[in-house]
Amino acid sequence: MSTHQHGGEHHHHGAHDHAHPPSARGSRALVLAVVLTASYALVEVAGGLWSGSLALLADAGHMVTDAAALLFALAASVVARRPPSARHSYGLGRAEVIAAFVNALVMLAVVVWLFVESVDRLRDPRAVNGESVFLIASVGLLVNLVVAWVLARDGDNINTRAALLHVLGDLLGSVAAIAAGVIIYFTAYYPIDPLLSMLVGGLILRSTLLVLRESAQVLLDAVPRHIDFPKVGLALARIPGVRSVHDLHVWAMAPGRCALSAHVLVEDVEQWPTILGRARVLLRDEFHIEHVTLQPEWLRTPGPRRSVSIRSVS
């Protein structure tokens, strides 16, 4: 516990550790994902030029965009492991959240482009070499399966999950391309290519919106979805010796790292060390909040006990 003097009042902070750096495993997974995605993008460019397939060239461009997004996620993962400093007292854990948010926006733009392009191709079907598309897409499916498996092993990291969205987009695109290649080869039904592309776009859209919402919530300092905000205040107010709780704020510094601050009106300031200890245990065990900042306040005259007034919400 640390104590700081501010205008005659004491600010007591529960013991906490600002530096909870993400595991290096996420970085290694992203390195492998970047190498494999970029390498196969070159293969698709060569295959598209050789077969004259515009679909493969477009998918190669998509994979180049994904490789750039994965590289961005990798850079953010490295930055996020830097320790807190005088300039960034919380550390740089939100760098991963920003990368996830940007990646989700990029993927959203890709989905929109996919639907627009699919509609255009339904109006004006284009010939595709079904056999070449099938062979190259089959290899791409194997590559994307390996990359998706590697990234999925670090699924607790929102940044890695956002990067995984791009890989899943490529994986589903490979499946759709294989199906399209087979159907085109045997039936010459060219509209199947944009139809399957629209199906893939719909599947990707839901996951993209989920990551976008989660990362936006962190960036906006919203109360984490798994925490019942009024329940936190009421639980603190029921601690023996506490009269009321106000100016309560709960937010996520980064995914999985919640913080809380509040003013606590107590009956007797001499009881504060005991109250603080109970509050820290309560918040840790019931709400999984480790980073706690509580400011005690007290009155000279008696008054009603155990109330909570929530004046502002983060």
C-alpha atoms as a PDB file:
ATOM      1  CA  MET A   1       0.000   0.000   0.000  1.00  0.00           C
ATOM      2  CA  SER A   2       1.266   3.462  -0.846  1.00  0.00           C
ATOM      3  CA  THR A   3       0.057   6.811   0.502  1.00  0.00           C
ATOM      4  CA  HIS A   4       0.179  10.210  -1.213  1.00  0.00           C
ATOM      5  CA  GLN A   5      -0.726  13.582   0.312  1.00  0.00           C
ATOM      6  CA  HIS A   6      -3.163  15.660  -1.771  1.00  0.00           C
ATOM      7  CA  GLY A   7      -4.868  18.659  -0.169  1.00  0.00           C
ATOM      8  CA  GLY A   8      -5.200  17.129   3.277  1.00  0.00           C
ATOM      9  CA  GLU A   9      -6.634  13.835   2.041  1.00  0.00           C
ATOM     10  CA  HIS A  10      -4.943  10.474   1.705  1.00  0.00           C
ATOM     11  CA  HIS A  11      -4.990   8.473  -1.524  1.00  0.00           C
ATOM     12  CA  HIS A  12      -4.369   4.791  -0.850  1.00  0.00           C
ATOM     13  CA  HIS A  13      -3.626   2.435  -3.700  1.00  0.00           C
ATOM     14  CA  GLY A  14      -3.856  -1.304  -3.602  1.00  0.00           C
ATOM     15  CA  ALA A  15      -0.608  -3.017  -4.483  1.00  0.00           C
ATOM     16  CA  HIS A  16      -0.486  -3.625  -8.206  1.00  0.00           C
ATOM     17  CA  ASP A  17       1.863  -4.257 -11.062  1.00  0.00           C
ATOM     18  CA  HIS A  18       1.506  -2.094 -14.152  1.00  0.00           C
ATOM     19  CA  ALA A  19       3.681  -4.347 -16.257  1.00  0.00           C
ATOM     20  CA  HIS A  20       1.896  -7.484 -17.388  1.00  0.00           C
ATOM     21  CA  PRO A  21       3.538  -7.854 -20.780  1.00  0.00           C
ATOM     22  CA  PRO A  22       1.963 -10.154 -23.325  1.00  0.00           C
ATOM     23  CA  SER A  23       3.722 -13.434 -23.940  1.00  0.00           C
ATOM     24  CA  ALA A  24       6.387 -13.642 -26.594  1.00  0.00           C
ATOM     25  CA  ARG A  25       4.477 -16.566 -28.086  1.00  0.00           C
ATOM     26  CA  GLY A  26       2.083 -14.144 -29.766  1.00  0.00           C
ATOM     27  CA  SER A  27       4.995 -12.389 -31.462  1.00  0.00           C
ATOM     28  CA  ARG A  28       6.483 -15.657 -32.715  1.00  0.00           C
ATOM     29  CA  ALA A  29       3.085 -16.672 -34.089  1.00  0.00           C
ATOM     30  CA  LEU A  30       2.772 -13.368 -35.932  1.00  0.00           C
ATOM     31  CA  VAL A  31       6.287 -13.660 -37.384  1.00  0.00           C
ATOM     32  CA  LEU A  32       5.443 -17.072 -38.856  1.00  0.00           C
ATOM     33  CA  ALA A  33       2.085 -15.770 -40.104  1.00  0.00           C
ATOM     34  CA  VAL A  34       3.743 -12.824 -41.876  1.00  0.00           C
ATOM     35  CA  VAL A  35       6.361 -15.022 -43.583  1.00  0.00           C
ATOM     36  CA  LEU A  36       3.897 -17.663 -44.783  1.00  0.00           C
ATOM     37  CA  THR A  37       1.220 -15.182 -45.900  1.00  0.00           C
ATOM     38  CA  ALA A  38       3.638 -12.946 -47.806  1.00  0.00           C
ATOM     39  CA  SER A  39       5.366 -15.937 -49.423  1.00  0.00           C
ATOM     40  CA  TYR A  40       2.150 -17.465 -50.641  1.00  0.00           C
ATOM     41  CA  ALA A  41       0.942 -14.115 -51.936  1.00  0.00           C
ATOM     42  CA  LEU A  42       3.924 -14.182 -54.326  1.00  0.00           C
ATOM     43  CA  VAL A  43       2.959 -17.712 -55.375  1.00  0.00           C
ATOM     44  CA  GLU A  44      -0.555 -16.560 -56.170  1.00  0.00           C
ATOM     45  CA  VAL A  45       0.737 -13.625 -58.196  1.00  0.00           C
ATOM     46  CA  ALA A  46       2.831 -16.015 -60.281  1.00  0.00           C
ATOM     47  CA  GLY A  47      -0.067 -18.442 -60.606  1.00  0.00           C
ATOM     48  CA  GLY A  48      -2.477 -15.686 -61.589  1.00  0.00           C
ATOM     49  CA  LEU A  49      -0.141 -14.384 -64.297  1.00  0.00           C
ATOM     50  CA  TRP A  50       0.495 -17.900 -65.575  1.00  0.00           C
ATOM     51  CA  SER A  51      -3.169 -18.917 -65.718  1.00  0.00           C
ATOM     52  CA  GLY A  52      -4.596 -15.528 -66.622  1.00  0.00           C
ATOM     53  CA  SER A  53      -6.869 -15.751 -63.586  1.00  0.00           C
ATOM     54  CA  LEU A  54      -8.051 -12.383 -62.308  1.00  0.00           C
ATOM     55  CA  ALA A  55      -9.528 -14.139 -59.264  1.00  0.00           C
ATOM     56  CA  LEU A  56      -6.121 -15.396 -58.178  1.00  0.00           C
ATOM     57  CA  LEU A  57      -4.512 -12.004 -58.735  1.00  0.00           C
ATOM     58  CA  ALA A  58      -7.238 -10.372 -56.647  1.00  0.00           C
ATOM     59  CA  ASP A  59      -6.737 -12.947 -53.896  1.00  0.00           C
ATOM     60  CA  ALA A  60      -2.991 -12.308 -54.043  1.00  0.00           C
ATOM     61  CA  GLY A  61      -3.657  -8.627 -53.477  1.00  0.00           C
ATOM     62  CA  HIS A  62      -5.862  -9.574 -50.536  1.00  0.00           C
ATOM     63  CA  MET A  63      -3.056 -11.665 -49.053  1.00  0.00           C
ATOM     64  CA  VAL A  64      -0.563  -8.820 -49.489  1.00  0.00           C
ATOM     65  CA  THR A  65      -2.960  -6.602 -47.534  1.00  0.00           C
ATOM     66  CA  ASP A  66      -3.212  -9.326 -44.881  1.00  0.00           C
ATOM     67  CA  ALA A  67       0.572  -9.640 -44.671  1.00  0.00           C
ATOM     68  CA  ALA A  68       0.813  -5.888 -44.069  1.00  0.00           C
ATOM     69  CA  ALA A  69      -1.888  -6.114 -41.374  1.00  0.00           C
ATOM     70  CA  LEU A  70      -0.073  -9.004 -39.706  1.00  0.00           C
ATOM     71  CA  LEU A  71       3.176  -7.031 -39.795  1.00  0.00           C
ATOM     72  CA  PHE A  72       1.376  -4.120 -38.145  1.00  0.00           C
ATOM     73  CA  ALA A  73       0.017  -6.476 -35.468  1.00  0.00           C
ATOM     74  CA  LEU A  74       3.529  -7.849 -34.906  1.00  0.00           C
ATOM     75  CA  ALA A  75       4.951  -4.361 -34.400  1.00  0.00           C
ATOM     76  CA  ALA A  76       2.163  -3.550 -31.928  1.00  0.00           C
ATOM     77  CA  SER A  77       2.821  -6.782 -30.026  1.00  0.00           C
ATOM     78  CA  VAL A  78       6.502  -5.877 -29.619  1.00  0.00           C
ATOM     79  CA  VAL A  79       5.673  -2.316 -28.516  1.00  0.00           C
ATOM     80  CA  ALA A  80       3.109  -3.586 -25.988  1.00  0.00           C
ATOM     81  CA  ARG A  81       5.802  -5.532 -24.104  1.00  0.00           C
ATOM     82  CA  ARG A  82       7.759  -2.382 -23.287  1.00  0.00           C
ATOM     83  CA  PRO A  83       7.682  -1.603 -19.540  1.00  0.00           C
ATOM     84  CA  PRO A  84       5.923   1.444 -18.039  1.00  0.00           C
ATOM     85  CA  SER A  85       7.834   4.703 -18.197  1.00  0.00           C
ATOM     86  CA  ALA A  86       7.560   8.288 -16.995  1.00  0.00           C
ATOM     87  CA  ARG A  87       5.712   9.086 -20.219  1.00  0.00           C
ATOM     88  CA  HIS A  88       3.510   5.959 -20.320  1.00  0.00           C
ATOM     89  CA  SER A  89       2.824   5.052 -16.699  1.00  0.00           C
ATOM     90  CA  TYR A  90       0.384   2.264 -17.647  1.00  0.00           C
ATOM     91  CA  GLY A  91       2.769   0.798 -20.203  1.00  0.00           C
ATOM     92  CA  LEU A  92       1.872   0.357 -23.865  1.00  0.00           C
ATOM     93  CA  GLY A  93      -0.548  -2.544 -23.617  1.00  0.00           C
ATOM     94  CA  ARG A  94      -3.175  -0.651 -25.606  1.00  0.00           C
ATOM     95  CA  ALA A  95      -0.935  -0.663 -28.669  1.00  0.00           C
ATOM     96  CA  GLU A  96      -2.299  -4.140 -29.321  1.00  0.00           C
ATOM     97  CA  VAL A  97      -5.872  -2.894 -28.937  1.00  0.00           C
ATOM     98  CA  ILE A  98      -5.239  -0.099 -31.443  1.00  0.00           C
ATOM     99  CA  ALA A  99      -3.755  -2.613 -33.890  1.00  0.00           C
ATOM    100  CA  ALA A 100      -6.788  -4.872 -33.421  1.00  0.00           C
ATOM    101  CA  PHE A 101      -9.136  -1.938 -34.047  1.00  0.00           C
ATOM    102  CA  VAL A 102      -7.304  -0.869 -37.223  1.00  0.00           C
ATOM    103  CA  ASN A 103      -7.093  -4.454 -38.475  1.00  0.00           C
ATOM    104  CA  ALA A 104     -10.822  -4.913 -37.968  1.00  0.00           C
ATOM    105  CA  LEU A 105     -11.526  -1.685 -39.880  1.00  0.00           C
ATOM    106  CA  VAL A 106      -9.320  -2.871 -42.744  1.00  0.00           C
ATOM    107  CA  MET A 107     -11.077  -6.233 -42.789  1.00  0.00           C
ATOM    108  CA  LEU A 108     -14.442  -4.465 -42.802  1.00  0.00           C
ATOM    109  CA  ALA A 109     -13.322  -2.488 -45.862  1.00  0.00           C
ATOM    110  CA  VAL A 110     -12.201  -5.735 -47.534  1.00  0.00           C
ATOM    111  CA  VAL A 111     -15.622  -7.298 -46.915  1.00  0.00           C
ATOM    112  CA  VAL A 112     -17.361  -4.270 -48.439  1.00  0.00           C
ATOM    113  CA  TRP A 113     -15.055  -4.422 -51.459  1.00  0.00           C
ATOM    114  CA  LEU A 114     -15.759  -8.152 -51.751  1.00  0.00           C
ATOM    115  CA  PHE A 115     -19.504  -7.594 -51.958  1.00  0.00           C
ATOM    116  CA  VAL A 116     -19.159  -4.734 -54.447  1.00  0.00           C
ATOM    117  CA  GLU A 117     -16.822  -6.765 -56.674  1.00  0.00           C
ATOM    118  CA  SER A 118     -19.078  -9.823 -56.434  1.00  0.00           C
ATOM    119  CA  VAL A 119     -22.110  -7.837 -57.587  1.00  0.00           C
ATOM    120  CA  ASP A 120     -20.070  -6.459 -60.489  1.00  0.00           C
ATOM    121  CA  ARG A 121     -19.007  -9.954 -61.541  1.00  0.00           C
ATOM    122  CA  LEU A 122     -22.560 -11.261 -61.334  1.00  0.00           C
ATOM    123  CA  ARG A 123     -23.541  -8.565 -63.815  1.00  0.00           C
ATOM    124  CA  ASP A 124     -20.570  -9.290 -66.042  1.00  0.00           C
ATOM    125  CA  PRO A 125     -19.271 -12.872 -65.521  1.00  0.00           C
ATOM    126  CA  ARG A 126     -15.608 -13.401 -66.413  1.00  0.00           C
ATOM    127  CA  ALA A 127     -13.947 -16.568 -67.632  1.00  0.00           C
ATOM    128  CA  VAL A 128     -11.750 -18.345 -65.084  1.00  0.00           C
ATOM    129  CA  ASN A 129      -9.368 -21.287 -65.549  1.00  0.00           C
ATOM    130  CA  GLY A 130     -11.020 -23.660 -63.104  1.00  0.00           C
ATOM    131  CA  GLU A 131      -8.209 -26.229 -62.998  1.00  0.00           C
ATOM    132  CA  SER A 132      -5.502 -23.647 -62.185  1.00  0.00           C
ATOM    133  CA  VAL A 133      -7.674 -21.993 -59.546  1.00  0.00           C
ATOM    134  CA  PHE A 134      -8.322 -25.381 -57.909  1.00  0.00           C
ATOM    135  CA  LEU A 135      -4.652 -26.372 -57.722  1.00  0.00           C
ATOM    136  CA  ILE A 136      -3.329 -23.047 -56.436  1.00  0.00           C
ATOM    137  CA  ALA A 137      -6.230 -22.591 -53.991  1.00  0.00           C
ATOM    138  CA  SER A 138      -5.590 -26.078 -52.575  1.00  0.00           C
ATOM    139  CA  VAL A 139      -2.011 -25.141 -51.718  1.00  0.00           C
ATOM    140  CA  GLY A 140      -3.270 -21.868 -50.269  1.00  0.00           C
ATOM    141  CA  LEU A 141      -5.706 -23.767 -48.072  1.00  0.00           C
ATOM    142  CA  LEU A 142      -2.859 -25.775 -46.539  1.00  0.00           C
ATOM    143  CA  VAL A 143      -0.805 -22.630 -45.916  1.00  0.00           C
ATOM    144  CA  ASN A 144      -3.722 -20.822 -44.310  1.00  0.00           C
ATOM    145  CA  LEU A 145      -4.554 -23.826 -42.114  1.00  0.00           C
ATOM    146  CA  VAL A 146      -1.025 -23.813 -40.728  1.00  0.00           C
ATOM    147  CA  VAL A 147      -1.084 -20.053 -40.087  1.00  0.00           C
ATOM    148  CA  ALA A 148      -4.569 -20.188 -38.498  1.00  0.00           C
ATOM    149  CA  TRP A 149      -3.480 -23.033 -36.187  1.00  0.00           C
ATOM    150  CA  VAL A 150      -0.421 -21.107 -35.055  1.00  0.00           C
ATOM    151  CA  LEU A 151      -2.391 -17.926 -34.336  1.00  0.00           C
ATOM    152  CA  ALA A 152      -5.278 -19.759 -32.650  1.00  0.00           C
ATOM    153  CA  ARG A 153      -2.887 -21.069 -29.989  1.00  0.00           C
ATOM    154  CA  ASP A 154      -2.611 -17.488 -28.700  1.00  0.00           C
ATOM    155  CA  GLY A 155      -6.357 -16.848 -28.775  1.00  0.00           C
ATOM    156  CA  ASP A 156      -6.414 -14.914 -25.480  1.00  0.00           C
ATOM    157  CA  ASN A 157      -4.620 -11.996 -27.150  1.00  0.00           C
ATOM    158  CA  ILE A 158      -7.066  -9.608 -28.869  1.00  0.00           C
ATOM    159  CA  ASN A 159      -4.345  -8.419 -31.251  1.00  0.00           C
ATOM    160  CA  THR A 160      -3.588 -11.981 -32.384  1.00  0.00           C
ATOM    161  CA  ARG A 161      -7.309 -12.700 -32.689  1.00  0.00           C
ATOM    162  CA  ALA A 162      -7.737  -9.683 -34.961  1.00  0.00           C
ATOM    163  CA  ALA A 163      -4.831 -10.910 -37.087  1.00  0.00           C
ATOM    164  CA  LEU A 164      -6.459 -14.340 -37.149  1.00  0.00           C
ATOM    165  CA  LEU A 165      -9.520 -12.762 -38.788  1.00  0.00           C
ATOM    166  CA  HIS A 166      -7.428 -11.922 -41.828  1.00  0.00           C
ATOM    167  CA  VAL A 167      -6.092 -15.465 -42.025  1.00  0.00           C
ATOM    168  CA  LEU A 168      -9.580 -16.931 -41.645  1.00  0.00           C
ATOM    169  CA  GLY A 169     -10.678 -14.688 -44.462  1.00  0.00           C
ATOM    170  CA  ASP A 170      -7.939 -16.153 -46.653  1.00  0.00           C
ATOM    171  CA  LEU A 171      -8.741 -19.689 -45.470  1.00  0.00           C
ATOM    172  CA  LEU A 172     -12.430 -19.359 -46.289  1.00  0.00           C
ATOM    173  CA  GLY A 173     -11.462 -17.687 -49.537  1.00  0.00           C
ATOM    174  CA  SER A 174      -9.302 -20.705 -50.400  1.00  0.00           C
ATOM    175  CA  VAL A 175     -12.198 -23.087 -49.690  1.00  0.00           C
ATOM    176  CA  ALA A 176     -14.504 -20.982 -51.839  1.00  0.00           C
ATOM    177  CA  ALA A 177     -11.901 -20.816 -54.610  1.00  0.00           C
ATOM    178  CA  ILE A 178     -11.498 -24.612 -54.548  1.00  0.00           C
ATOM    179  CA  ALA A 179     -15.254 -25.094 -54.809  1.00  0.00           C
ATOM    180  CA  ALA A 180     -15.470 -22.478 -57.542  1.00  0.00           C
ATOM    181  CA  GLY A 181     -12.598 -24.085 -59.435  1.00  0.00           C
ATOM    182  CA  VAL A 182     -14.258 -27.510 -59.354  1.00  0.00           C
ATOM    183  CA  ILE A 183     -17.675 -26.192 -60.399  1.00  0.00           C
ATOM    184  CA  ILE A 184     -16.238 -24.017 -63.171  1.00  0.00           C
ATOM    185  CA  TYR A 185     -14.066 -26.875 -64.447  1.00  0.00           C
ATOM    186  CA  PHE A 186     -17.012 -29.258 -64.779  1.00  0.00           C
ATOM    187  CA  THR A 187     -19.879 -26.859 -65.626  1.00  0.00           C
ATOM    188  CA  ALA A 188     -18.297 -23.570 -66.824  1.00  0.00           C
ATOM    189  CA  TYR A 189     -20.753 -21.787 -64.518  1.00  0.00           C
ATOM    190  CA  TYR A 190     -18.694 -18.625 -63.891  1.00  0.00           C
ATOM    191  CA  PRO A 191     -21.177 -16.805 -61.586  1.00  0.00           C
ATOM    192  CA  ILE A 192     -20.386 -19.359 -58.843  1.00  0.00           C
ATOM    193  CA  ASP A 193     -17.151 -17.460 -58.098  1.00  0.00           C
ATOM    194  CA  PRO A 194     -18.806 -14.191 -56.949  1.00  0.00           C
ATOM    195  CA  LEU A 195     -21.655 -16.072 -55.244  1.00  0.00           C
ATOM    196  CA  LEU A 196     -19.247 -18.030 -53.056  1.00  0.00           C
ATOM    197  CA  SER A 197     -17.260 -14.870 -52.406  1.00  0.00           C
ATOM    198  CA  MET A 198     -20.362 -13.179 -51.000  1.00  0.00           C
ATOM    199  CA  LEU A 199     -20.982 -16.178 -48.751  1.00  0.00           C
ATOM    200  CA  VAL A 200     -17.435 -15.955 -47.379  1.00  0.00           C
ATOM    201  CA  GLY A 201     -17.832 -12.212 -46.847  1.00  0.00           C
ATOM    202  CA  GLY A 202     -20.938 -12.772 -44.729  1.00  0.00           C
ATOM    203  CA  LEU A 203     -19.129 -15.309 -42.532  1.00  0.00           C
ATOM    204  CA  ILE A 204     -16.184 -12.971 -41.978  1.00  0.00           C
ATOM    205  CA  LEU A 205     -18.371  -9.940 -41.231  1.00  0.00           C
ATOM    206  CA  ARG A 206     -19.705 -11.246 -37.897  1.00  0.00           C
ATOM    207  CA  SER A 207     -16.271 -11.999 -36.428  1.00  0.00           C
ATOM    208  CA  THR A 208     -14.944  -8.668 -37.679  1.00  0.00           C
ATOM    209  CA  LEU A 209     -17.727  -6.739 -35.947  1.00  0.00           C
ATOM    210  CA  LEU A 210     -17.092  -8.611 -32.677  1.00  0.00           C
ATOM    211  CA  VAL A 211     -13.409  -7.655 -32.616  1.00  0.00           C
ATOM    212  CA  LEU A 212     -14.270  -4.091 -33.643  1.00  0.00           C
ATOM    213  CA  ARG A 213     -16.755  -3.772 -30.783  1.00  0.00           C
ATOM    214  CA  GLU A 214     -14.417  -5.273 -28.170  1.00  0.00           C
ATOM    215  CA  SER A 215     -11.434  -3.134 -29.140  1.00  0.00           C
ATOM    216  CA  ALA A 216     -13.590   0.013 -29.319  1.00  0.00           C
ATOM    217  CA  GLN A 217     -14.909  -0.660 -25.806  1.00  0.00           C
ATOM    218  CA  VAL A 218     -11.349  -0.744 -24.443  1.00  0.00           C
ATOM    219  CA  LEU A 219     -10.315   2.398 -26.316  1.00  0.00           C
ATOM    220  CA  LEU A 220     -13.386   4.228 -24.975  1.00  0.00           C
ATOM    221  CA  ASP A 221     -12.616   3.189 -21.359  1.00  0.00           C
ATOM    222  CA  ALA A 222     -15.966   1.429 -21.132  1.00  0.00           C
ATOM    223  CA  VAL A 223     -16.826  -0.878 -18.250  1.00  0.00           C
ATOM    224  CA  PRO A 224     -15.747  -4.404 -19.319  1.00  0.00           C
ATOM    225  CA  ARG A 225     -18.709  -6.479 -20.457  1.00  0.00           C
ATOM    226  CA  HIS A 226     -18.127  -9.195 -17.843  1.00  0.00           C
ATOM    227  CA  ILE A 227     -18.361  -6.721 -14.928  1.00  0.00           C
ATOM    228  CA  ASP A 228     -21.699  -5.667 -13.375  1.00  0.00           C
ATOM    229  CA  PHE A 229     -20.934  -2.019 -12.600  1.00  0.00           C
ATOM    230  CA  PRO A 230     -23.716  -1.323 -10.007  1.00  0.00           C
ATOM    231  CA  LYS A 231     -22.892  -4.612  -8.267  1.00  0.00           C
ATOM    232  CA  VAL A 232     -19.279  -3.510  -7.771  1.00  0.00           C
ATOM    233  CA  GLY A 233     -20.341  -0.305  -6.021  1.00  0.00           C
ATOM    234  CA  LEU A 234     -22.871  -2.080  -3.814  1.00  0.00           C
ATOM    235  CA  ALA A 235     -20.328  -4.721  -2.841  1.00  0.00           C
ATOM    236  CA  LEU A 236     -17.838  -2.052  -1.761  1.00  0.00           C
ATOM    237  CA  ALA A 237     -20.534  -0.198   0.194  1.00  0.00           C
ATOM    238  CA  ARG A 238     -21.372  -3.339   2.202  1.00  0.00           C
ATOM    239  CA  ILE A 239     -17.865  -3.628   3.634  1.00  0.00           C
ATOM    240  CA  PRO A 240     -18.048  -3.003   7.429  1.00  0.00           C
ATOM    241  CA  GLY A 241     -16.962   0.538   8.251  1.00  0.00           C
ATOM    242  CA  VAL A 242     -17.953   1.963   4.822  1.00  0.00           C
ATOM    243  CA  ARG A 243     -20.743   4.557   4.700  1.00  0.00           C
ATOM    244  CA  SER A 244     -20.857   5.217   0.966  1.00  0.00           C
ATOM    245  CA  VAL A 245     -19.008   4.893  -2.337  1.00  0.00           C
ATOM    246  CA  HIS A 246     -18.978   7.567  -5.030  1.00  0.00           C
ATOM    247  CA  ASP A 247     -17.010   8.649  -8.111  1.00  0.00           C
ATOM    248  CA  LEU A 248     -16.669   5.000  -9.012  1.00  0.00           C
ATOM    249  CA  HIS A 249     -14.898   4.166 -12.284  1.00  0.00           C
ATOM    250  CA  VAL A 250     -14.148   0.773 -13.797  1.00  0.00           C
ATOM    251  CA  TRP A 251     -12.312   0.335 -17.084  1.00  0.00           C
ATOM    252  CA  ALA A 252      -9.941  -1.954 -18.959  1.00  0.00           C
ATOM    253  CA  MET A 253      -6.358  -0.763 -19.336  1.00  0.00           C
ATOM    254  CA  ALA A 254      -5.981  -3.590 -21.841  1.00  0.00           C
ATOM    255  CA  PRO A 255      -7.994  -6.781 -22.455  1.00  0.00           C
ATOM    256  CA  GLY A 256      -7.829  -8.878 -19.288  1.00  0.00           C
ATOM    257  CA  ARG A 257      -6.384  -6.030 -17.186  1.00  0.00           C
ATOM    258  CA  CYS A 258      -9.170  -4.179 -15.375  1.00  0.00           C
ATOM    259  CA  ALA A 259      -8.720  -1.108 -13.173  1.00  0.00           C
ATOM    260  CA  LEU A 260     -10.939   0.618 -10.620  1.00  0.00           C
ATOM    261  CA  SER A 261     -10.920   3.939  -8.811  1.00  0.00           C
ATOM    262  CA  ALA A 262     -13.423   5.306  -6.266  1.00  0.00           C
ATOM    263  CA  HIS A 263     -13.929   7.604  -3.281  1.00  0.00           C
ATOM    264  CA  VAL A 264     -14.929   5.739  -0.125  1.00  0.00           C
ATOM    265  CA  LEU A 265     -16.617   7.474   2.817  1.00  0.00           C
ATOM    266  CA  VAL A 266     -15.625   5.658   6.011  1.00  0.00           C
ATOM    267  CA  GLU A 267     -16.831   5.916   9.612  1.00  0.00           C
ATOM    268  CA  ASP A 268     -13.383   5.939  11.148  1.00  0.00           C
ATOM    269  CA  VAL A 269     -10.173   6.701   9.267  1.00  0.00           C
ATOM    270  CA  GLU A 270      -8.302   4.460  11.722  1.00  0.00           C
ATOM    271  CA  GLN A 271     -10.153   1.497  10.193  1.00  0.00           C
ATOM    272  CA  TRP A 272      -8.976   2.373   6.691  1.00  0.00           C
ATOM    273  CA  PRO A 273      -6.090  -0.161   6.423  1.00  0.00           C
ATOM    274  CA  THR A 274      -8.502  -2.973   7.302  1.00  0.00           C
ATOM    275  CA  ILE A 275     -11.181  -1.671   4.927  1.00  0.00           C
ATOM    276  CA  LEU A 276      -8.657  -1.311   2.108  1.00  0.00           C
ATOM    277  CA  GLY A 277      -7.438  -4.872   2.574  1.00  0.00           C
ATOM    278  CA  ARG A 278     -10.986  -6.236   2.478  1.00  0.00           C
ATOM    279  CA  ALA A 279     -11.823  -4.139  -0.586  1.00  0.00           C
ATOM    280  CA  ARG A 280      -8.786  -5.388  -2.483  1.00  0.00           C
ATOM    281  CA  VAL A 281      -9.602  -9.040  -1.708  1.00  0.00           C
ATOM    282  CA  LEU A 282     -13.265  -8.484  -2.649  1.00  0.00           C
ATOM    283  CA  LEU A 283     -12.461  -6.827  -5.983  1.00  0.00           C
ATOM    284  CA  ARG A 284      -9.837  -9.422  -6.845  1.00  0.00           C
ATOM    285  CA  ASP A 285     -11.835 -12.532  -5.951  1.00  0.00           C
ATOM    286  CA  GLU A 286     -15.347 -11.532  -7.055  1.00  0.00           C
ATOM    287  CA  PHE A 287     -14.669  -9.206  -9.994  1.00  0.00           C
ATOM    288  CA  HIS A 288     -11.091 -10.052 -11.055  1.00  0.00           C
ATOM    289  CA  ILE A 289      -9.999  -6.426 -10.673  1.00  0.00           C
ATOM    290  CA  GLU A 290      -6.348  -6.236  -9.622  1.00  0.00           C
ATOM    291  CA  HIS A 291      -5.453  -2.581 -10.217  1.00  0.00           C
ATOM    292  CA  VAL A 292      -7.313  -0.669  -7.482  1.00  0.00           C
ATOM    293  CA  THR A 293      -7.118   2.984  -6.427  1.00  0.00           C
ATOM    294  CA  LEU A 294      -9.349   3.963  -3.495  1.00  0.00           C
ATOM    295  CA  GLN A 295      -9.486   7.368  -1.805  1.00  0.00           C
ATOM    296  CA  PRO A 296     -10.850   7.434   1.775  1.00  0.00           C
ATOM    297  CA  GLU A 297     -13.030  10.271   3.068  1.00  0.00           C
ATOM    298  CA  TRP A 298     -14.535  10.721   6.522  1.00  0.00           C
ATOM    299  CA  LEU A 299     -16.990  12.932   8.431  1.00  0.00           C
ATOM    300  CA  ARG A 300     -17.022  14.072  12.057  1.00  0.00           C
ATOM    301  CA  THR A 301     -20.757  13.540  12.524  1.00  0.00           C
ATOM    302  CA  PRO A 302     -22.536  10.164  12.325  1.00  0.00           C
ATOM    303  CA  GLY A 303     -24.736   9.344   9.364  1.00  0.00           C
ATOM    304  CA  PRO A 304     -26.425   6.509   7.450  1.00  0.00           C
ATOM    305  CA  ARG A 305     -24.275   3.520   6.473  1.00  0.00           C
ATOM    306  CA  ARG A 306     -23.625   1.401   3.405  1.00  0.00           C
ATOM    307  CA  SER A 307     -24.918   3.475   0.523  1.00  0.00           C
ATOM    308  CA  VAL A 308     -23.550   3.855  -2.960  1.00  0.00           C
ATOM    309  CA  SER A 309     -23.821   6.886  -5.237  1.00  0.00           C
ATOM    310  CA  ILE A 310     -22.485   6.384  -8.744  1.00  0.00           C
ATOM    311  CA  ARG A 311     -21.998   9.836 -10.235  1.00  0.00           C
ATOM    312  CA  SER A 312     -19.927   8.942 -13.259  1.00  0.00           C
ATOM    313  CA  VAL A 313     -19.231   5.831 -15.271  1.00  0.00           C
ATOM    314  CA  SER A 314     -16.182   5.093 -17.407  1.00  0.00           C
END
